[in-house]
């Protein structure tokens, strides 16, 4: 995966095969420096498939040339993992055979990279939804604790006047349960507000529904 800090290091996150500690020695980057000129760094930077070879590492005086030579890693291919405009990282494959990756092989591996991106994006989306669901659950739990223990009659109303939530205390104060207020936006005026104050309450509710600037406080009898 490409680091997004100033150092722009490439961080190995998954590996398979006889790697023998090579990735720990090869401190790769994806910038324009010498450590970013390997196949992996170029693939992330250019968003294109890149072929590499031990000869190229030697010619570029790559810092990890000796690490690759001692393990006989003669050729490589790095494929960018592209999600639209984003480059999630690179899939890099090393081989002990020289010039192993020809055009048909590269095309096949590019299809594999696309499948890998689909899997990564799907997994990240699922994890994000799980985090969002957990955050919502915690928020609802906090709201429930507050609402169950508040002494005041509290309400949340939408722009059209619909009551979307009422505290349990409303039943102690008005004699009607929260469900009665959430079922009918006109319930308060029709059944709770004192007849002499219904005009005042209705004007207040109409102003809120019209998004007009209104006083925060309104006193009325029930």
N, C-alpha and C. Protein backbone atom coordinates (compact mmCIF):
# COMPACT_ATOMS: atom_id res chain seq x y z
N UNK A 1 0.83 -1.18 0.00
CA UNK A 1 0.00 0.00 0.00
C UNK A 1 0.88 1.25 0.00
N UNK A 2 0.49 2.31 -0.72
CA UNK A 2 1.30 3.54 -0.76
C UNK A 2 1.03 4.41 0.46
N UNK A 3 2.09 4.83 1.14
CA UNK A 3 1.92 5.76 2.24
C UNK A 3 1.61 7.14 1.71
N UNK A 4 0.76 7.88 2.41
CA UNK A 4 0.38 9.22 1.95
C UNK A 4 1.11 10.31 2.71
N UNK A 5 2.18 9.95 3.44
CA UNK A 5 2.96 10.95 4.14
C UNK A 5 4.08 11.44 3.23
N UNK A 6 4.92 12.32 3.76
CA UNK A 6 5.98 12.91 2.95
C UNK A 6 7.00 11.88 2.48
N UNK A 7 7.22 10.83 3.28
CA UNK A 7 8.22 9.81 2.92
C UNK A 7 7.77 8.95 1.75
N UNK A 8 6.47 8.78 1.59
CA UNK A 8 5.89 7.98 0.50
C UNK A 8 6.46 6.56 0.44
N UNK A 9 6.58 5.94 1.58
CA UNK A 9 7.01 4.55 1.63
C UNK A 9 5.91 3.64 1.10
N UNK A 10 6.31 2.51 0.56
CA UNK A 10 5.38 1.46 0.16
C UNK A 10 5.37 0.42 1.28
N UNK A 11 4.20 0.18 1.84
CA UNK A 11 4.09 -0.71 3.00
C UNK A 11 3.56 -2.08 2.58
N UNK A 12 4.34 -3.14 2.71
CA UNK A 12 3.83 -4.49 2.40
C UNK A 12 2.75 -4.88 3.41
N UNK A 13 1.62 -5.36 2.92
CA UNK A 13 0.53 -5.75 3.81
C UNK A 13 0.13 -7.21 3.65
N UNK A 14 0.51 -7.84 2.56
CA UNK A 14 0.19 -9.26 2.36
C UNK A 14 1.24 -9.85 1.44
N UNK A 15 1.59 -11.11 1.70
CA UNK A 15 2.61 -11.75 0.87
C UNK A 15 2.40 -13.26 0.88
N UNK A 16 2.92 -13.87 -0.15
CA UNK A 16 2.82 -15.32 -0.28
C UNK A 16 4.04 -15.82 -1.04
N UNK A 17 4.54 -16.95 -0.63
CA UNK A 17 5.66 -17.56 -1.34
C UNK A 17 6.96 -17.48 -0.56
N UNK A 18 8.05 -17.84 -1.23
CA UNK A 18 9.37 -17.92 -0.62
C UNK A 18 10.03 -16.55 -0.65
N UNK A 19 9.52 -15.64 0.15
CA UNK A 19 9.96 -14.25 0.12
C UNK A 19 11.29 -14.07 0.87
N UNK A 20 11.52 -14.87 1.93
CA UNK A 20 12.81 -14.95 2.63
C UNK A 20 13.30 -13.58 3.11
N UNK A 21 12.38 -12.75 3.61
CA UNK A 21 12.79 -11.48 4.19
C UNK A 21 13.13 -10.38 3.22
N UNK A 22 12.88 -10.58 1.93
CA UNK A 22 13.26 -9.58 0.93
C UNK A 22 12.52 -8.26 1.16
N UNK A 23 11.21 -8.32 1.44
CA UNK A 23 10.43 -7.10 1.57
C UNK A 23 10.89 -6.26 2.75
N UNK A 24 11.43 -6.90 3.77
CA UNK A 24 11.93 -6.14 4.92
C UNK A 24 13.20 -5.37 4.57
N UNK A 25 13.98 -5.91 3.67
CA UNK A 25 15.21 -5.24 3.26
C UNK A 25 14.99 -4.19 2.18
N UNK A 26 13.98 -4.40 1.35
CA UNK A 26 13.73 -3.49 0.22
C UNK A 26 12.83 -2.35 0.68
N UNK A 27 13.42 -1.26 1.14
CA UNK A 27 12.65 -0.10 1.61
C UNK A 27 12.19 0.70 0.39
N UNK A 28 11.07 0.30 -0.19
CA UNK A 28 10.57 0.90 -1.42
C UNK A 28 9.75 2.16 -1.13
N UNK A 29 9.80 3.09 -2.08
CA UNK A 29 8.95 4.27 -2.05
C UNK A 29 8.25 4.38 -3.40
N UNK A 30 7.34 5.34 -3.49
CA UNK A 30 6.68 5.56 -4.79
C UNK A 30 6.86 7.01 -5.27
N UNK A 31 7.95 7.63 -4.78
CA UNK A 31 8.26 8.98 -5.25
C UNK A 31 9.27 8.91 -6.40
N UNK A 32 9.86 10.05 -6.72
CA UNK A 32 10.79 10.11 -7.85
C UNK A 32 12.22 9.77 -7.45
N UNK A 33 12.47 9.49 -6.18
CA UNK A 33 13.83 9.19 -5.74
C UNK A 33 14.26 7.83 -6.27
N UNK A 34 15.52 7.46 -5.99
CA UNK A 34 16.04 6.19 -6.50
C UNK A 34 15.27 5.01 -5.93
N UNK A 35 14.81 5.10 -4.69
CA UNK A 35 14.05 4.00 -4.10
C UNK A 35 12.63 3.90 -4.68
N UNK A 36 12.23 4.88 -5.47
CA UNK A 36 10.93 4.83 -6.12
C UNK A 36 11.00 4.42 -7.57
N UNK A 37 12.20 3.99 -8.03
CA UNK A 37 12.37 3.62 -9.44
C UNK A 37 12.19 2.13 -9.69
N UNK A 38 11.90 1.37 -8.64
CA UNK A 38 11.60 -0.04 -8.84
C UNK A 38 10.22 -0.21 -9.48
N UNK A 39 9.91 -1.45 -9.87
CA UNK A 39 8.65 -1.71 -10.56
C UNK A 39 7.45 -1.33 -9.69
N UNK A 40 7.52 -1.62 -8.41
CA UNK A 40 6.39 -1.33 -7.53
C UNK A 40 6.15 0.16 -7.41
N UNK A 41 7.20 0.92 -7.13
CA UNK A 41 7.06 2.37 -6.99
C UNK A 41 6.57 3.02 -8.28
N UNK A 42 7.13 2.59 -9.42
CA UNK A 42 6.71 3.17 -10.69
C UNK A 42 5.26 2.81 -11.00
N UNK A 43 4.86 1.61 -10.65
CA UNK A 43 3.49 1.18 -10.91
C UNK A 43 2.48 2.06 -10.16
N UNK A 44 2.76 2.32 -8.88
CA UNK A 44 1.86 3.17 -8.09
C UNK A 44 1.88 4.60 -8.61
N UNK A 45 3.07 5.09 -8.94
CA UNK A 45 3.21 6.49 -9.35
C UNK A 45 2.59 6.75 -10.72
N UNK A 46 2.80 5.84 -11.66
CA UNK A 46 2.32 6.04 -13.02
C UNK A 46 0.96 5.41 -13.28
N UNK A 47 0.51 4.53 -12.35
CA UNK A 47 -0.76 3.81 -12.49
C UNK A 47 -0.76 2.92 -13.73
N UNK A 48 0.39 2.37 -14.05
CA UNK A 48 0.53 1.49 -15.19
C UNK A 48 1.33 0.26 -14.78
N UNK A 49 1.10 -0.84 -15.49
CA UNK A 49 1.84 -2.07 -15.24
C UNK A 49 3.32 -1.85 -15.56
N UNK A 50 4.18 -2.32 -14.68
CA UNK A 50 5.62 -2.12 -14.85
C UNK A 50 6.34 -3.46 -14.73
N UNK A 51 7.27 -3.69 -15.66
CA UNK A 51 8.12 -4.87 -15.61
C UNK A 51 9.46 -4.49 -14.98
N UNK A 52 10.03 -5.41 -14.23
CA UNK A 52 11.32 -5.16 -13.61
C UNK A 52 12.23 -6.35 -13.80
N UNK A 53 13.51 -6.11 -13.64
CA UNK A 53 14.49 -7.20 -13.76
C UNK A 53 15.67 -6.90 -12.86
N UNK A 54 16.40 -7.94 -12.54
CA UNK A 54 17.60 -7.76 -11.72
C UNK A 54 18.60 -6.86 -12.43
N UNK A 55 18.65 -6.95 -13.77
CA UNK A 55 19.56 -6.10 -14.54
C UNK A 55 19.22 -4.63 -14.36
N UNK A 56 17.90 -4.33 -14.35
CA UNK A 56 17.49 -2.94 -14.15
C UNK A 56 17.89 -2.43 -12.77
N UNK A 57 17.74 -3.29 -11.75
CA UNK A 57 18.11 -2.88 -10.40
C UNK A 57 19.60 -2.56 -10.33
N UNK A 58 20.40 -3.36 -11.01
CA UNK A 58 21.84 -3.14 -11.00
C UNK A 58 22.18 -1.84 -11.74
N UNK A 59 21.51 -1.62 -12.88
CA UNK A 59 21.80 -0.43 -13.68
C UNK A 59 21.41 0.86 -12.93
N UNK A 60 20.35 0.78 -12.14
CA UNK A 60 19.88 1.95 -11.40
C UNK A 60 20.58 2.11 -10.06
N UNK A 61 21.51 1.22 -9.77
CA UNK A 61 22.18 1.20 -8.46
C UNK A 61 21.15 1.18 -7.33
N UNK A 62 20.14 0.34 -7.52
CA UNK A 62 19.04 0.25 -6.57
C UNK A 62 19.55 -0.27 -5.22
N UNK A 63 19.13 0.35 -4.13
CA UNK A 63 19.64 -0.06 -2.81
C UNK A 63 19.39 -1.53 -2.49
N UNK A 64 18.32 -2.09 -3.01
CA UNK A 64 18.04 -3.49 -2.68
C UNK A 64 18.48 -4.46 -3.78
N UNK A 65 19.44 -4.02 -4.64
CA UNK A 65 19.94 -4.92 -5.68
C UNK A 65 20.56 -6.18 -5.07
N UNK A 66 21.42 -6.03 -4.05
CA UNK A 66 22.06 -7.19 -3.45
C UNK A 66 21.05 -8.11 -2.79
N UNK A 67 19.99 -7.53 -2.18
CA UNK A 67 18.96 -8.35 -1.56
C UNK A 67 18.24 -9.20 -2.60
N UNK A 68 17.98 -8.63 -3.79
CA UNK A 68 17.33 -9.38 -4.86
C UNK A 68 18.28 -10.39 -5.47
N UNK A 69 19.55 -10.01 -5.65
CA UNK A 69 20.52 -10.92 -6.28
C UNK A 69 20.77 -12.14 -5.39
N UNK A 70 20.88 -11.92 -4.08
CA UNK A 70 21.17 -13.04 -3.19
C UNK A 70 20.01 -14.04 -3.15
N UNK A 71 18.82 -13.60 -3.50
CA UNK A 71 17.66 -14.50 -3.52
C UNK A 71 17.31 -14.94 -4.93
N UNK A 72 18.12 -14.51 -5.90
CA UNK A 72 17.96 -14.90 -7.29
C UNK A 72 16.60 -14.46 -7.85
N UNK A 73 16.16 -13.27 -7.45
CA UNK A 73 14.91 -12.72 -7.98
C UNK A 73 15.24 -11.98 -9.27
N UNK A 74 15.03 -12.67 -10.39
CA UNK A 74 15.54 -12.18 -11.67
C UNK A 74 14.56 -11.29 -12.41
N UNK A 75 13.26 -11.43 -12.17
CA UNK A 75 12.28 -10.62 -12.89
C UNK A 75 11.09 -10.36 -11.99
N UNK A 76 10.34 -9.31 -12.36
CA UNK A 76 9.16 -8.96 -11.57
C UNK A 76 8.16 -8.23 -12.45
N UNK A 77 6.92 -8.20 -11.96
CA UNK A 77 5.88 -7.40 -12.59
C UNK A 77 5.06 -6.76 -11.48
N UNK A 78 4.78 -5.48 -11.64
CA UNK A 78 4.00 -4.74 -10.65
C UNK A 78 2.76 -4.18 -11.33
N UNK A 79 1.60 -4.48 -10.76
CA UNK A 79 0.34 -4.08 -11.36
C UNK A 79 -0.39 -3.12 -10.41
N UNK A 80 -0.77 -1.92 -10.89
CA UNK A 80 -1.46 -0.97 -10.01
C UNK A 80 -2.87 -1.47 -9.69
N UNK A 81 -3.29 -1.26 -8.47
CA UNK A 81 -4.63 -1.63 -8.05
C UNK A 81 -5.48 -0.36 -8.11
N UNK A 82 -6.20 -0.21 -9.21
CA UNK A 82 -6.90 1.04 -9.50
C UNK A 82 -8.38 0.92 -9.19
N UNK A 83 -8.88 1.89 -8.41
CA UNK A 83 -10.30 2.03 -8.13
C UNK A 83 -10.73 3.39 -8.65
N UNK A 84 -11.09 3.44 -9.93
CA UNK A 84 -11.38 4.72 -10.55
C UNK A 84 -10.12 5.56 -10.63
N UNK A 85 -10.16 6.75 -10.02
CA UNK A 85 -9.01 7.64 -10.04
C UNK A 85 -8.02 7.32 -8.92
N UNK A 86 -8.42 6.46 -8.00
CA UNK A 86 -7.55 6.14 -6.87
C UNK A 86 -6.67 4.94 -7.16
N UNK A 87 -5.42 5.01 -6.71
CA UNK A 87 -4.53 3.85 -6.75
C UNK A 87 -4.41 3.31 -5.34
N UNK A 88 -5.02 2.16 -5.10
CA UNK A 88 -5.02 1.59 -3.76
C UNK A 88 -3.67 1.01 -3.37
N UNK A 89 -2.88 0.63 -4.36
CA UNK A 89 -1.59 0.01 -4.10
C UNK A 89 -1.12 -0.72 -5.33
N UNK A 90 -0.33 -1.74 -5.12
CA UNK A 90 0.21 -2.51 -6.24
C UNK A 90 0.28 -3.98 -5.86
N UNK A 91 0.07 -4.81 -6.86
CA UNK A 91 0.29 -6.25 -6.74
C UNK A 91 1.60 -6.55 -7.47
N UNK A 92 2.61 -6.99 -6.72
CA UNK A 92 3.93 -7.24 -7.31
C UNK A 92 4.26 -8.72 -7.20
N UNK A 93 4.73 -9.29 -8.30
CA UNK A 93 5.08 -10.71 -8.35
C UNK A 93 6.53 -10.83 -8.78
N UNK A 94 7.30 -11.59 -8.05
CA UNK A 94 8.71 -11.80 -8.35
C UNK A 94 8.91 -13.24 -8.84
N UNK A 95 9.91 -13.41 -9.69
CA UNK A 95 10.20 -14.74 -10.22
C UNK A 95 11.71 -14.97 -10.28
N UNK A 96 12.07 -16.24 -10.16
CA UNK A 96 13.47 -16.61 -10.31
C UNK A 96 13.80 -16.97 -11.76
N UNK A 97 12.83 -16.78 -12.64
CA UNK A 97 13.06 -16.97 -14.07
C UNK A 97 13.24 -15.61 -14.73
N UNK A 98 14.22 -15.46 -15.60
CA UNK A 98 14.43 -14.16 -16.26
C UNK A 98 13.36 -13.89 -17.31
N UNK A 99 12.94 -12.62 -17.41
CA UNK A 99 12.00 -12.18 -18.46
C UNK A 99 10.77 -13.10 -18.52
N UNK A 100 10.20 -13.42 -17.37
CA UNK A 100 9.09 -14.36 -17.33
C UNK A 100 7.79 -13.74 -17.84
N UNK A 101 7.57 -12.47 -17.60
CA UNK A 101 6.25 -11.88 -17.79
C UNK A 101 6.15 -11.26 -19.18
N UNK A 102 5.51 -11.99 -20.12
CA UNK A 102 5.29 -11.46 -21.45
C UNK A 102 3.92 -10.77 -21.50
N UNK A 103 3.52 -10.31 -22.68
CA UNK A 103 2.28 -9.54 -22.83
C UNK A 103 1.03 -10.34 -22.43
N UNK A 104 0.86 -11.60 -22.91
CA UNK A 104 -0.32 -12.36 -22.48
C UNK A 104 -0.36 -12.60 -20.97
N UNK A 105 0.82 -12.85 -20.38
CA UNK A 105 0.89 -13.05 -18.93
C UNK A 105 0.48 -11.76 -18.21
N UNK A 106 0.97 -10.63 -18.70
CA UNK A 106 0.64 -9.35 -18.08
C UNK A 106 -0.85 -9.07 -18.17
N UNK A 107 -1.46 -9.37 -19.31
CA UNK A 107 -2.89 -9.13 -19.47
C UNK A 107 -3.70 -9.99 -18.49
N UNK A 108 -3.29 -11.23 -18.33
CA UNK A 108 -3.98 -12.11 -17.39
C UNK A 108 -3.85 -11.59 -15.96
N UNK A 109 -2.65 -11.14 -15.60
CA UNK A 109 -2.43 -10.65 -14.25
C UNK A 109 -3.16 -9.32 -14.01
N UNK A 110 -3.33 -8.52 -15.04
CA UNK A 110 -4.10 -7.27 -14.90
C UNK A 110 -5.55 -7.57 -14.57
N UNK A 111 -6.09 -8.64 -15.17
CA UNK A 111 -7.45 -9.06 -14.84
C UNK A 111 -7.51 -9.52 -13.38
N UNK A 112 -6.48 -10.22 -12.94
CA UNK A 112 -6.41 -10.64 -11.54
C UNK A 112 -6.37 -9.43 -10.61
N UNK A 113 -5.60 -8.40 -11.00
CA UNK A 113 -5.52 -7.18 -10.20
C UNK A 113 -6.89 -6.51 -10.09
N UNK A 114 -7.66 -6.50 -11.18
CA UNK A 114 -9.01 -5.92 -11.14
C UNK A 114 -9.90 -6.69 -10.17
N UNK A 115 -9.79 -8.02 -10.19
CA UNK A 115 -10.57 -8.83 -9.24
C UNK A 115 -10.17 -8.53 -7.80
N UNK A 116 -8.87 -8.33 -7.60
CA UNK A 116 -8.38 -8.03 -6.25
C UNK A 116 -8.91 -6.69 -5.77
N UNK A 117 -8.93 -5.69 -6.65
CA UNK A 117 -9.48 -4.38 -6.30
C UNK A 117 -10.95 -4.51 -5.91
N UNK A 118 -11.70 -5.28 -6.70
CA UNK A 118 -13.13 -5.47 -6.38
C UNK A 118 -13.28 -6.05 -4.98
N UNK A 119 -12.45 -7.05 -4.65
CA UNK A 119 -12.53 -7.66 -3.33
C UNK A 119 -12.17 -6.69 -2.22
N UNK A 120 -11.10 -5.90 -2.44
CA UNK A 120 -10.66 -4.95 -1.41
C UNK A 120 -11.71 -3.87 -1.19
N UNK A 121 -12.26 -3.33 -2.28
CA UNK A 121 -13.26 -2.26 -2.16
C UNK A 121 -14.52 -2.79 -1.49
N UNK A 122 -14.92 -4.01 -1.85
CA UNK A 122 -16.10 -4.61 -1.23
C UNK A 122 -15.88 -4.80 0.26
N UNK A 123 -14.70 -5.31 0.63
CA UNK A 123 -14.40 -5.54 2.04
C UNK A 123 -14.35 -4.23 2.81
N UNK A 124 -13.71 -3.21 2.23
CA UNK A 124 -13.64 -1.92 2.92
C UNK A 124 -15.03 -1.31 3.08
N UNK A 125 -15.88 -1.46 2.05
CA UNK A 125 -17.24 -0.94 2.15
C UNK A 125 -18.02 -1.64 3.25
N UNK A 126 -17.84 -2.96 3.35
CA UNK A 126 -18.54 -3.71 4.39
C UNK A 126 -18.06 -3.27 5.77
N UNK A 127 -16.74 -3.08 5.93
CA UNK A 127 -16.21 -2.64 7.22
C UNK A 127 -16.70 -1.24 7.56
N UNK A 128 -16.78 -0.36 6.54
CA UNK A 128 -17.27 1.00 6.80
C UNK A 128 -18.72 0.98 7.25
N UNK A 129 -19.52 0.12 6.62
CA UNK A 129 -20.93 0.02 7.02
C UNK A 129 -21.05 -0.53 8.43
N UNK A 130 -20.20 -1.50 8.77
CA UNK A 130 -20.23 -2.04 10.12
C UNK A 130 -19.87 -0.98 11.16
N UNK A 131 -18.86 -0.15 10.83
CA UNK A 131 -18.48 0.93 11.75
C UNK A 131 -19.61 1.95 11.88
N UNK A 132 -20.25 2.25 10.74
CA UNK A 132 -21.36 3.21 10.78
C UNK A 132 -22.53 2.65 11.58
N UNK A 133 -22.83 1.37 11.39
CA UNK A 133 -23.92 0.74 12.14
C UNK A 133 -23.63 0.75 13.64
N UNK A 134 -22.37 0.48 13.99
CA UNK A 134 -22.01 0.47 15.41
C UNK A 134 -22.09 1.87 16.00
N UNK A 135 -21.63 2.87 15.23
CA UNK A 135 -21.71 4.25 15.70
C UNK A 135 -23.17 4.67 15.89
N UNK A 136 -24.03 4.26 14.95
CA UNK A 136 -25.45 4.57 15.07
C UNK A 136 -26.06 3.88 16.28
N UNK A 137 -25.67 2.63 16.49
CA UNK A 137 -26.20 1.90 17.64
C UNK A 137 -25.81 2.58 18.94
N UNK A 138 -24.55 3.01 19.05
CA UNK A 138 -24.10 3.68 20.26
C UNK A 138 -24.81 5.02 20.44
N UNK A 139 -25.01 5.74 19.33
CA UNK A 139 -25.72 7.01 19.41
C UNK A 139 -27.15 6.81 19.87
N UNK A 140 -27.81 5.80 19.32
CA UNK A 140 -29.19 5.53 19.72
C UNK A 140 -29.26 5.10 21.18
N UNK A 141 -28.26 4.35 21.64
CA UNK A 141 -28.24 3.92 23.03
C UNK A 141 -28.07 5.12 23.96
N UNK A 142 -27.18 6.05 23.58
CA UNK A 142 -27.01 7.26 24.39
C UNK A 142 -28.29 8.08 24.43
N UNK A 143 -28.93 8.20 23.27
CA UNK A 143 -30.19 8.94 23.21
C UNK A 143 -31.25 8.27 24.07
N UNK A 144 -31.31 6.95 24.04
CA UNK A 144 -32.31 6.23 24.83
C UNK A 144 -32.09 6.47 26.31
N UNK A 145 -30.82 6.41 26.73
CA UNK A 145 -30.51 6.63 28.15
C UNK A 145 -30.92 8.04 28.57
N UNK A 146 -30.59 9.02 27.71
CA UNK A 146 -30.94 10.40 28.03
C UNK A 146 -32.45 10.58 28.07
N UNK A 147 -33.13 10.06 27.04
CA UNK A 147 -34.57 10.28 26.94
C UNK A 147 -35.32 9.56 28.06
N UNK A 148 -34.83 8.40 28.44
CA UNK A 148 -35.52 7.65 29.49
C UNK A 148 -35.36 8.29 30.86
N UNK A 149 -34.36 9.14 31.00
CA UNK A 149 -34.08 9.70 32.32
C UNK A 149 -34.29 11.21 32.40
N UNK A 150 -34.67 11.84 31.29
CA UNK A 150 -34.90 13.28 31.35
C UNK A 150 -36.21 13.56 32.07
N UNK A 151 -36.24 14.65 32.83
CA UNK A 151 -37.44 15.04 33.57
C UNK A 151 -38.35 15.87 32.69
N UNK A 152 -37.79 16.47 31.64
CA UNK A 152 -38.56 17.40 30.81
C UNK A 152 -39.23 16.69 29.64
N UNK A 153 -40.23 17.34 29.14
CA UNK A 153 -40.89 16.90 27.90
C UNK A 153 -40.07 17.45 26.74
N UNK A 154 -39.37 16.57 26.05
CA UNK A 154 -38.51 16.95 24.93
C UNK A 154 -39.07 16.38 23.63
N UNK A 155 -38.95 17.16 22.56
CA UNK A 155 -39.41 16.70 21.24
C UNK A 155 -38.42 17.09 20.17
N UNK A 156 -38.36 16.26 19.14
CA UNK A 156 -37.70 16.62 17.89
C UNK A 156 -38.77 16.65 16.82
N UNK A 157 -38.85 17.77 16.11
CA UNK A 157 -39.84 17.89 15.05
C UNK A 157 -39.15 18.23 13.72
N UNK A 158 -39.67 17.61 12.67
CA UNK A 158 -39.16 17.88 11.32
C UNK A 158 -39.69 19.22 10.83
N UNK A 159 -39.19 19.66 9.66
CA UNK A 159 -39.61 20.94 9.12
C UNK A 159 -41.09 21.06 8.86
N UNK A 160 -41.73 19.92 8.57
CA UNK A 160 -43.17 19.96 8.31
C UNK A 160 -44.00 19.83 9.59
N UNK A 161 -43.33 19.85 10.73
CA UNK A 161 -44.05 19.76 11.99
C UNK A 161 -44.18 18.35 12.53
N UNK A 162 -43.81 17.36 11.75
CA UNK A 162 -43.92 15.98 12.20
C UNK A 162 -43.02 15.73 13.40
N UNK A 163 -43.56 15.11 14.41
CA UNK A 163 -42.78 14.75 15.59
C UNK A 163 -42.05 13.44 15.32
N UNK A 164 -40.73 13.48 15.34
CA UNK A 164 -39.94 12.28 15.06
C UNK A 164 -39.46 11.60 16.34
N UNK A 165 -39.55 12.32 17.47
CA UNK A 165 -39.16 11.73 18.74
C UNK A 165 -39.73 12.56 19.87
N UNK A 166 -40.19 11.92 20.92
CA UNK A 166 -40.67 12.59 22.12
C UNK A 166 -40.19 11.82 23.33
N UNK A 167 -39.83 12.53 24.37
CA UNK A 167 -39.32 11.88 25.57
C UNK A 167 -40.45 11.23 26.35
N UNK A 168 -40.13 10.16 27.07
CA UNK A 168 -41.16 9.49 27.87
C UNK A 168 -41.83 10.42 28.88
N UNK A 169 -41.13 11.50 29.29
CA UNK A 169 -41.70 12.41 30.28
C UNK A 169 -42.95 13.11 29.77
N UNK A 170 -43.17 13.13 28.46
CA UNK A 170 -44.35 13.82 27.93
C UNK A 170 -45.64 13.17 28.43
N UNK A 171 -45.59 11.88 28.70
CA UNK A 171 -46.80 11.21 29.18
C UNK A 171 -47.12 11.64 30.61
N UNK A 172 -46.07 11.82 31.43
CA UNK A 172 -46.31 12.27 32.80
C UNK A 172 -46.88 13.68 32.81
N UNK A 173 -46.44 14.52 31.87
CA UNK A 173 -46.86 15.92 31.86
C UNK A 173 -48.20 16.09 31.17
N UNK A 174 -48.40 15.41 30.03
CA UNK A 174 -49.60 15.65 29.23
C UNK A 174 -50.67 14.59 29.38
N UNK A 175 -50.26 13.40 29.82
CA UNK A 175 -51.20 12.30 29.89
C UNK A 175 -51.23 11.45 28.63
N UNK A 176 -50.47 11.85 27.61
CA UNK A 176 -50.43 11.10 26.36
C UNK A 176 -49.03 10.52 26.14
N UNK A 177 -48.93 9.30 25.60
CA UNK A 177 -47.61 8.68 25.39
C UNK A 177 -46.90 9.29 24.19
N UNK A 178 -45.57 9.09 24.08
CA UNK A 178 -44.82 9.63 22.94
C UNK A 178 -45.38 9.18 21.59
N UNK A 179 -45.88 7.94 21.51
CA UNK A 179 -46.37 7.43 20.23
C UNK A 179 -47.52 8.26 19.68
N UNK A 180 -48.33 8.85 20.59
CA UNK A 180 -49.46 9.65 20.13
C UNK A 180 -48.99 10.88 19.38
N UNK A 181 -47.91 11.49 19.83
CA UNK A 181 -47.40 12.70 19.18
C UNK A 181 -46.69 12.37 17.87
N UNK A 182 -46.01 11.22 17.83
CA UNK A 182 -45.28 10.85 16.61
C UNK A 182 -46.21 10.35 15.52
N UNK A 183 -47.41 9.90 15.89
CA UNK A 183 -48.34 9.37 14.89
C UNK A 183 -49.07 10.46 14.12
N UNK A 184 -49.22 11.66 14.70
CA UNK A 184 -50.03 12.71 14.08
C UNK A 184 -49.40 14.07 14.39
N UNK A 185 -48.93 14.81 13.37
CA UNK A 185 -48.30 16.11 13.64
C UNK A 185 -49.25 17.13 14.22
N UNK A 186 -50.56 16.95 14.07
CA UNK A 186 -51.55 17.89 14.60
C UNK A 186 -52.10 17.47 15.95
N UNK A 187 -51.58 16.38 16.48
CA UNK A 187 -52.13 15.84 17.71
C UNK A 187 -52.02 16.84 18.86
N UNK A 188 -50.89 17.54 18.94
CA UNK A 188 -50.70 18.45 20.06
C UNK A 188 -51.76 19.55 20.07
N UNK A 189 -51.96 20.19 18.92
CA UNK A 189 -52.94 21.28 18.86
C UNK A 189 -54.35 20.78 19.13
N UNK A 190 -54.65 19.61 18.63
CA UNK A 190 -56.02 19.11 18.71
C UNK A 190 -56.37 18.58 20.09
N UNK A 191 -55.40 18.04 20.82
CA UNK A 191 -55.73 17.32 22.05
C UNK A 191 -55.02 17.81 23.29
N UNK A 192 -53.93 18.58 23.14
CA UNK A 192 -53.14 18.92 24.32
C UNK A 192 -53.17 20.42 24.62
N UNK A 193 -52.98 21.24 23.58
CA UNK A 193 -52.92 22.68 23.82
C UNK A 193 -54.29 23.20 24.27
N UNK A 194 -54.28 24.06 25.26
CA UNK A 194 -55.51 24.68 25.76
C UNK A 194 -56.21 25.41 24.62
N UNK A 195 -57.53 25.31 24.51
CA UNK A 195 -58.25 25.95 23.39
C UNK A 195 -57.92 27.43 23.21
N UNK A 196 -57.71 28.16 24.28
CA UNK A 196 -57.43 29.58 24.15
C UNK A 196 -56.03 29.87 23.61
N UNK A 197 -55.15 28.86 23.63
CA UNK A 197 -53.77 29.06 23.18
C UNK A 197 -53.46 28.37 21.86
N UNK A 198 -54.46 27.74 21.24
CA UNK A 198 -54.19 26.96 20.02
C UNK A 198 -53.80 27.85 18.84
N UNK A 199 -54.37 29.04 18.76
CA UNK A 199 -54.00 29.95 17.67
C UNK A 199 -52.55 30.36 17.76
N UNK A 200 -52.11 30.65 18.97
CA UNK A 200 -50.71 31.01 19.19
C UNK A 200 -49.79 29.85 18.82
N UNK A 201 -50.16 28.66 19.27
CA UNK A 201 -49.33 27.48 18.97
C UNK A 201 -49.31 27.18 17.48
N UNK A 202 -50.46 27.30 16.81
CA UNK A 202 -50.56 27.00 15.38
C UNK A 202 -49.71 27.97 14.57
N UNK A 203 -49.72 29.26 14.94
CA UNK A 203 -48.91 30.25 14.23
C UNK A 203 -47.42 29.96 14.39
N UNK A 204 -47.06 29.57 15.59
CA UNK A 204 -45.66 29.22 15.87
C UNK A 204 -45.22 28.02 15.03
N UNK A 205 -46.07 26.98 15.00
CA UNK A 205 -45.75 25.78 14.23
C UNK A 205 -45.69 26.09 12.74
N UNK A 206 -46.57 26.96 12.25
CA UNK A 206 -46.58 27.32 10.84
C UNK A 206 -45.31 28.07 10.46
N UNK A 207 -44.85 28.97 11.33
CA UNK A 207 -43.63 29.72 11.05
C UNK A 207 -42.42 28.80 10.99
N UNK A 208 -42.38 27.83 11.90
CA UNK A 208 -41.27 26.86 11.88
C UNK A 208 -41.31 26.05 10.59
N UNK A 209 -42.53 25.60 10.21
CA UNK A 209 -42.66 24.81 8.99
C UNK A 209 -42.30 25.58 7.75
N UNK A 210 -42.44 26.92 7.79
CA UNK A 210 -42.10 27.77 6.64
C UNK A 210 -40.67 28.25 6.70
N UNK A 211 -39.92 27.77 7.69
CA UNK A 211 -38.51 28.14 7.89
C UNK A 211 -38.35 29.64 8.12
N UNK A 212 -39.33 30.26 8.78
CA UNK A 212 -39.22 31.66 9.13
C UNK A 212 -38.49 31.79 10.46
N UNK A 213 -37.92 32.97 10.68
CA UNK A 213 -37.24 33.22 11.94
C UNK A 213 -38.27 33.43 13.04
N UNK A 214 -38.23 32.61 14.05
CA UNK A 214 -39.22 32.67 15.12
C UNK A 214 -38.51 32.71 16.45
N UNK A 215 -39.25 33.11 17.48
CA UNK A 215 -38.72 33.09 18.83
C UNK A 215 -38.45 31.65 19.25
N UNK A 216 -37.42 31.46 20.03
CA UNK A 216 -37.09 30.11 20.48
C UNK A 216 -38.12 29.59 21.48
N UNK A 217 -38.62 30.49 22.32
CA UNK A 217 -39.48 30.07 23.41
C UNK A 217 -40.94 30.41 23.12
N UNK A 218 -41.82 29.52 23.50
CA UNK A 218 -43.25 29.73 23.37
C UNK A 218 -43.94 29.14 24.60
N UNK A 219 -44.71 29.96 25.29
CA UNK A 219 -45.43 29.47 26.46
C UNK A 219 -46.88 29.24 26.08
N UNK A 220 -47.43 28.09 26.47
CA UNK A 220 -48.84 27.82 26.27
C UNK A 220 -49.31 26.86 27.33
N UNK A 221 -50.59 26.82 27.54
CA UNK A 221 -51.18 25.95 28.53
C UNK A 221 -51.62 24.64 27.90
N UNK A 222 -51.66 23.59 28.71
CA UNK A 222 -52.15 22.29 28.23
C UNK A 222 -53.31 21.85 29.10
